[in-house]
Amino acid sequence: MLSYRHGFHAGNFADVFKHVVLTQLIRALRHKDKPFRVLDTHAGAGRYDLDSAPAGKNREFADGIGRLWGQSGLSPELDDYLDRVRALNPDGKLRWYPGSPRIARDLLRPADRLVLVERHPAEYPLLQAEFGGDRQARAHRADGYAALESFLPPPERRGLVLIDPAYELKDEFDRLIDAVRRIHRRWASGIVAIWYPILGRAPSARFQRTLRETGISAMLCAELGLLPYDGPPGLHGCGMIVVNPPWKLDETLGRVLPELLRLLRVGDAGQTRLEWLAPAP
């Protein structure tokens, strides 16, 4: 199935959460002088026009990036993320929203590299157009899970794998578990970040329980929930699993998650969660 188009959801609360975490992961990789490589397995289009018809259909961005745009007095971490969005909107009007590829590219140093994988026939040409001719970022039309075999381990032996599928398939969580196992076999020291939706508590709880059972160490879980998990069907929240998280990421997210909840919550609802699924060795 290839019906999902992220343009309808770009800049929503889930994107804000994901991209705040992504920014901090890449910032941590920059702490050492050695180069690194980022592999984005489900890259999407690279950037999104918030004035477009898809974005305007439900205007999900209004309750996401729209809540932060123009805010002052934010934490350095949120301000760092917002700098990535400001870079695409130098006139101060919020029109363009950066996808994960554009955020990652904005944070690369000259020796760092970005590998972008996308198989959707409508999204890939946009991704290619966004990064065509860029010597540090290369787009590939392929299946994101199959690409793990092709691009890992990276030559630099440092870096990050971001896995953010569309969750159109019923067995997506099973595919993610298999991907984590394969990455660990090929590159045990690599950082892996997996975004997932919370559509009720049971599916994500099973996913986390199965992750624990892999025996892989150093797995941190961060969640942002804006609606009660037992409420009506819909996107109640989202989370990220980070394997081999950088030093003190848990402390950073412990500060940032409550701030995000305060800025993005709907009424009095909402919750955050930060838990080690498996401790570091």
Protein backbone atom coordinates (compact mmCIF):
# COMPACT_ATOMS: atom_id res chain seq x y z
CA MET A 1 0.00 0.00 0.00
CA LEU A 2 1.28 3.44 -0.95
CA SER A 3 -1.72 5.64 -0.23
CA TYR A 4 -0.20 7.65 2.63
CA ARG A 5 0.88 11.20 1.76
CA HIS A 6 2.55 13.12 4.55
CA GLY A 7 1.61 16.49 3.06
CA PHE A 8 -1.79 16.18 4.75
CA HIS A 9 -0.12 15.91 8.18
CA ALA A 10 3.10 17.94 7.82
CA GLY A 11 3.91 20.12 10.81
CA ASN A 12 1.38 18.50 13.13
CA PHE A 13 2.15 17.79 16.79
CA ALA A 14 3.68 14.42 15.91
CA ASP A 15 6.11 16.07 13.49
CA VAL A 16 7.07 18.65 16.10
CA PHE A 17 7.82 15.93 18.66
CA LYS A 18 9.73 13.77 16.18
CA HIS A 19 11.80 16.63 14.83
CA VAL A 20 12.70 18.02 18.25
CA VAL A 21 14.10 14.58 19.13
CA LEU A 22 15.83 14.24 15.75
CA THR A 23 17.51 17.62 16.17
CA GLN A 24 18.89 16.61 19.55
CA LEU A 25 20.16 13.27 18.23
CA ILE A 26 22.11 14.95 15.44
CA ARG A 27 23.37 17.65 17.80
CA ALA A 28 24.80 14.88 19.98
CA LEU A 29 26.56 13.30 16.99
CA ARG A 30 28.20 16.65 16.27
CA HIS A 31 29.87 16.69 19.70
CA LYS A 32 32.74 14.63 18.27
CA ASP A 33 34.88 15.78 15.36
CA LYS A 34 34.58 12.47 13.52
CA PRO A 35 32.09 12.45 10.61
CA PHE A 36 28.79 10.60 10.78
CA ARG A 37 26.06 9.41 8.42
CA VAL A 38 22.27 9.61 8.78
CA LEU A 39 20.04 7.04 7.04
CA ASP A 40 16.38 8.03 6.72
CA THR A 41 14.51 4.91 5.59
CA HIS A 42 11.12 6.52 4.88
CA ALA A 43 12.15 10.01 3.87
CA GLY A 44 9.03 11.49 2.25
CA ALA A 45 9.25 14.65 0.16
CA GLY A 46 11.87 16.61 2.10
CA ARG A 47 9.78 19.76 2.60
CA TYR A 48 6.07 20.57 2.61
CA ASP A 49 4.02 23.58 1.52
CA LEU A 50 1.61 24.49 4.29
CA ASP A 51 -0.32 26.68 1.83
CA SER A 52 -1.07 23.63 -0.34
CA ALA A 53 -4.46 21.96 -0.62
CA PRO A 54 -3.38 18.79 1.24
CA ALA A 55 -2.01 20.74 4.21
CA GLY A 56 -5.03 23.01 4.20
CA LYS A 57 -7.58 20.18 4.25
CA ASN A 58 -7.45 19.63 8.02
CA ARG A 59 -4.81 22.23 8.91
CA GLU A 60 -3.13 19.83 11.33
CA PHE A 61 -0.08 22.10 11.37
CA ALA A 62 -2.09 24.78 13.20
CA ASP A 63 -2.05 22.64 16.35
CA GLY A 64 1.57 21.64 15.81
CA ILE A 65 4.20 24.02 14.48
CA GLY A 66 1.54 26.75 14.49
CA ARG A 67 1.49 26.64 18.30
CA LEU A 68 5.26 27.26 18.49
CA TRP A 69 5.69 29.70 15.61
CA GLY A 70 6.38 33.17 16.91
CA GLN A 71 6.78 32.01 20.52
CA SER A 72 9.57 33.47 22.62
CA GLY A 73 11.18 32.27 25.82
CA LEU A 74 11.41 28.66 24.67
CA SER A 75 14.08 26.23 25.82
CA PRO A 76 17.33 26.09 23.80
CA GLU A 77 16.27 22.66 22.48
CA LEU A 78 12.94 23.88 21.08
CA ASP A 79 14.57 27.03 19.76
CA ASP A 80 17.18 24.89 17.99
CA TYR A 81 14.40 22.92 16.28
CA LEU A 82 12.55 26.12 15.37
CA ASP A 83 15.71 27.46 13.75
CA ARG A 84 15.39 24.65 11.20
CA VAL A 85 11.85 25.81 10.35
CA ARG A 86 12.84 29.49 10.34
CA ALA A 87 15.57 28.71 7.80
CA LEU A 88 12.87 27.78 5.26
CA ASN A 89 10.76 30.83 6.08
CA PRO A 90 13.17 33.78 6.19
CA ASP A 91 10.36 36.32 5.72
CA GLY A 92 8.81 35.26 9.02
CA LYS A 93 5.64 33.85 7.43
CA LEU A 94 5.07 30.17 8.13
CA ARG A 95 4.63 28.50 4.76
CA TRP A 96 7.26 25.77 4.38
CA TYR A 97 7.74 22.93 6.83
CA PRO A 98 10.94 20.86 6.73
CA GLY A 99 10.62 17.11 6.72
CA SER A 100 13.18 14.95 8.49
CA PRO A 101 15.55 15.02 5.46
CA ARG A 102 15.71 18.80 5.38
CA ILE A 103 16.21 19.03 9.14
CA ALA A 104 19.00 16.45 9.03
CA ARG A 105 20.65 18.15 6.05
CA ASP A 106 20.56 21.51 7.81
CA LEU A 107 22.59 20.04 10.69
CA LEU A 108 25.30 18.28 8.69
CA ARG A 109 28.90 19.45 8.78
CA PRO A 110 30.95 19.32 5.57
CA ALA A 111 32.24 15.78 6.15
CA ASP A 112 28.88 14.30 7.25
CA ARG A 113 26.54 12.46 4.89
CA LEU A 114 22.79 11.83 4.52
CA VAL A 115 21.18 8.84 2.79
CA LEU A 116 17.49 9.23 1.94
CA VAL A 117 15.27 6.34 0.93
CA GLU A 118 11.73 6.67 -0.41
CA ARG A 119 9.70 4.39 -2.67
CA HIS A 120 6.43 6.30 -3.10
CA PRO A 121 6.11 7.21 -6.82
CA ALA A 122 4.77 10.69 -6.03
CA GLU A 123 7.05 11.51 -3.10
CA TYR A 124 10.35 10.35 -4.55
CA PRO A 125 10.52 12.91 -7.40
CA LEU A 126 9.95 15.70 -4.87
CA LEU A 127 12.71 14.31 -2.67
CA GLN A 128 15.05 14.03 -5.65
CA ALA A 129 14.27 17.60 -6.67
CA GLU A 130 14.94 18.85 -3.16
CA PHE A 131 18.39 17.28 -2.96
CA GLY A 132 19.43 16.84 -6.59
CA GLY A 133 23.05 17.89 -7.02
CA ASP A 134 23.72 17.86 -3.27
CA ARG A 135 27.01 16.04 -2.73
CA GLN A 136 26.28 15.37 0.94
CA ALA A 137 22.70 14.07 0.58
CA ARG A 138 21.67 11.31 -1.83
CA ALA A 139 18.12 10.13 -2.52
CA HIS A 140 17.37 6.54 -3.49
CA ARG A 141 14.09 5.04 -4.65
CA ALA A 142 13.85 1.80 -2.73
CA ASP A 143 12.09 0.01 0.09
CA GLY A 144 13.27 1.45 3.38
CA TYR A 145 13.61 -1.87 5.16
CA ALA A 146 15.53 -3.45 2.27
CA ALA A 147 17.87 -0.45 2.29
CA LEU A 148 19.19 -1.48 5.70
CA GLU A 149 21.19 -4.23 4.03
CA SER A 150 22.55 -1.86 1.39
CA PHE A 151 23.64 1.05 3.56
CA LEU A 152 24.64 -0.43 6.90
CA PRO A 153 27.07 -0.31 8.50
CA PRO A 154 28.05 3.15 7.26
CA PRO A 155 31.66 3.74 6.23
CA GLU A 156 32.06 6.27 9.05
CA ARG A 157 30.91 3.72 11.67
CA ARG A 158 29.06 6.58 13.39
CA GLY A 159 25.57 7.81 12.82
CA LEU A 160 21.85 7.38 13.03
CA VAL A 161 19.08 5.37 11.41
CA LEU A 162 15.68 7.07 11.44
CA ILE A 163 12.74 4.74 10.77
CA ASP A 164 9.39 6.45 10.34
CA PRO A 165 7.08 4.31 8.18
CA ALA A 166 3.51 5.14 7.20
CA TYR A 167 1.96 2.39 9.37
CA GLU A 168 -0.36 1.36 6.55
CA LEU A 169 0.39 -2.34 7.07
CA LYS A 170 -1.06 -4.40 9.89
CA ASP A 171 2.30 -6.06 10.53
CA GLU A 172 4.29 -2.79 10.67
CA PHE A 173 5.36 -3.28 14.29
CA ASP A 174 6.58 -6.79 13.43
CA ARG A 175 8.58 -5.36 10.53
CA LEU A 176 10.12 -2.83 12.90
CA ILE A 177 11.17 -5.52 15.36
CA ASP A 178 12.83 -7.43 12.52
CA ALA A 179 14.55 -4.21 11.38
CA VAL A 180 15.93 -3.51 14.85
CA ARG A 181 17.33 -7.03 15.05
CA ARG A 182 18.95 -6.76 11.61
CA ILE A 183 20.46 -3.37 12.36
CA HIS A 184 21.85 -4.65 15.66
CA ARG A 185 23.50 -7.62 13.92
CA ARG A 186 25.10 -5.40 11.28
CA TRP A 187 25.90 -2.33 13.39
CA ALA A 188 25.44 -2.88 17.10
CA SER A 189 26.78 0.55 18.11
CA GLY A 190 24.56 2.62 15.81
CA ILE A 191 21.82 4.93 17.04
CA VAL A 192 18.37 3.85 15.87
CA ALA A 193 15.34 6.13 16.25
CA ILE A 194 11.86 4.76 15.56
CA TRP A 195 8.77 6.96 15.48
CA TYR A 196 5.41 5.29 16.14
CA PRO A 197 1.79 6.42 16.51
CA ILE A 198 -0.28 5.75 19.61
CA LEU A 199 -3.72 4.69 18.39
CA GLY A 200 -4.75 3.25 21.73
CA ARG A 201 -2.35 1.74 24.22
CA ALA A 202 -2.41 -1.97 23.29
CA PRO A 203 -0.50 -2.01 19.95
CA SER A 204 2.40 0.18 21.12
CA ALA A 205 2.57 -1.68 24.45
CA ARG A 206 2.94 -5.01 22.59
CA PHE A 207 5.62 -3.44 20.39
CA GLN A 208 7.60 -2.29 23.41
CA ARG A 209 7.23 -5.62 25.17
CA THR A 210 8.58 -7.44 22.12
CA LEU A 211 11.47 -4.99 21.88
CA ARG A 212 12.41 -5.80 25.46
CA GLU A 213 12.37 -9.50 24.60
CA THR A 214 15.04 -9.02 21.91
CA GLY A 215 17.63 -8.65 24.66
CA ILE A 216 19.11 -5.56 23.01
CA SER A 217 20.39 -3.11 25.60
CA ALA A 218 20.18 0.69 25.83
CA MET A 219 16.65 1.39 24.58
CA LEU A 220 14.93 4.62 25.63
CA CYS A 221 11.21 5.26 25.12
CA ALA A 222 9.77 8.79 24.95
CA GLU A 223 6.07 9.51 24.42
CA LEU A 224 3.88 12.56 24.02
CA GLY A 225 0.15 11.96 24.40
CA LEU A 226 -2.36 14.73 23.77
CA LEU A 227 -5.58 12.72 24.13
CA PRO A 228 -6.63 9.94 26.54
CA TYR A 229 -5.35 6.63 25.22
CA ASP A 230 -8.73 4.99 25.89
CA GLY A 231 -10.65 7.71 24.01
CA PRO A 232 -12.37 7.59 20.60
CA PRO A 233 -10.38 6.20 17.64
CA GLY A 234 -7.67 8.51 16.36
CA LEU A 235 -4.10 9.61 16.90
CA HIS A 236 -3.91 9.96 20.68
CA GLY A 237 -0.19 10.58 20.79
CA CYS A 238 3.11 9.33 19.47
CA GLY A 239 6.42 8.03 20.68
CA MET A 240 10.01 7.38 19.76
CA ILE A 241 12.21 4.46 20.67
CA VAL A 242 15.91 5.32 20.61
CA VAL A 243 18.41 2.48 20.64
CA ASN A 244 21.87 3.51 21.86
CA PRO A 245 20.72 7.01 22.81
CA PRO A 246 23.45 9.63 23.20
CA TRP A 247 24.69 10.47 26.67
CA LYS A 248 22.19 12.51 28.67
CA LEU A 249 19.44 12.35 26.04
CA ASP A 250 17.12 11.12 28.78
CA GLU A 251 17.87 14.23 30.82
CA THR A 252 17.28 16.48 27.82
CA LEU A 253 13.95 14.86 26.97
CA GLY A 254 12.97 14.97 30.62
CA ARG A 255 13.08 18.76 30.33
CA VAL A 256 11.64 19.07 26.83
CA LEU A 257 8.64 16.71 27.00
CA PRO A 258 6.75 18.71 29.67
CA GLU A 259 7.41 21.89 27.70
CA LEU A 260 6.01 20.33 24.54
CA LEU A 261 2.96 19.10 26.41
CA ARG A 262 2.32 22.57 27.80
CA LEU A 263 2.53 24.12 24.33
CA LEU A 264 0.63 21.48 22.38
CA ARG A 265 -1.94 20.01 24.76
CA VAL A 266 -5.67 20.25 24.08
CA GLY A 267 -7.39 21.51 27.22
CA ASP A 268 -6.35 19.65 30.34
CA ALA A 269 -5.72 16.33 28.60
CA GLY A 270 -2.29 14.97 27.85
CA GLN A 271 0.58 13.01 29.30
CA THR A 272 4.24 12.29 28.74
CA ARG A 273 6.31 9.19 29.35
CA LEU A 274 10.05 8.67 29.49
CA GLU A 275 11.28 5.19 30.33
CA TRP A 276 14.25 2.94 29.71
CA LEU A 277 12.93 -0.22 28.06
CA ALA A 278 16.39 -1.69 28.46
CA PRO A 279 19.25 -0.08 30.38
CA ALA A 280 22.64 0.65 28.93
CA PRO A 281 25.21 -2.10 29.69
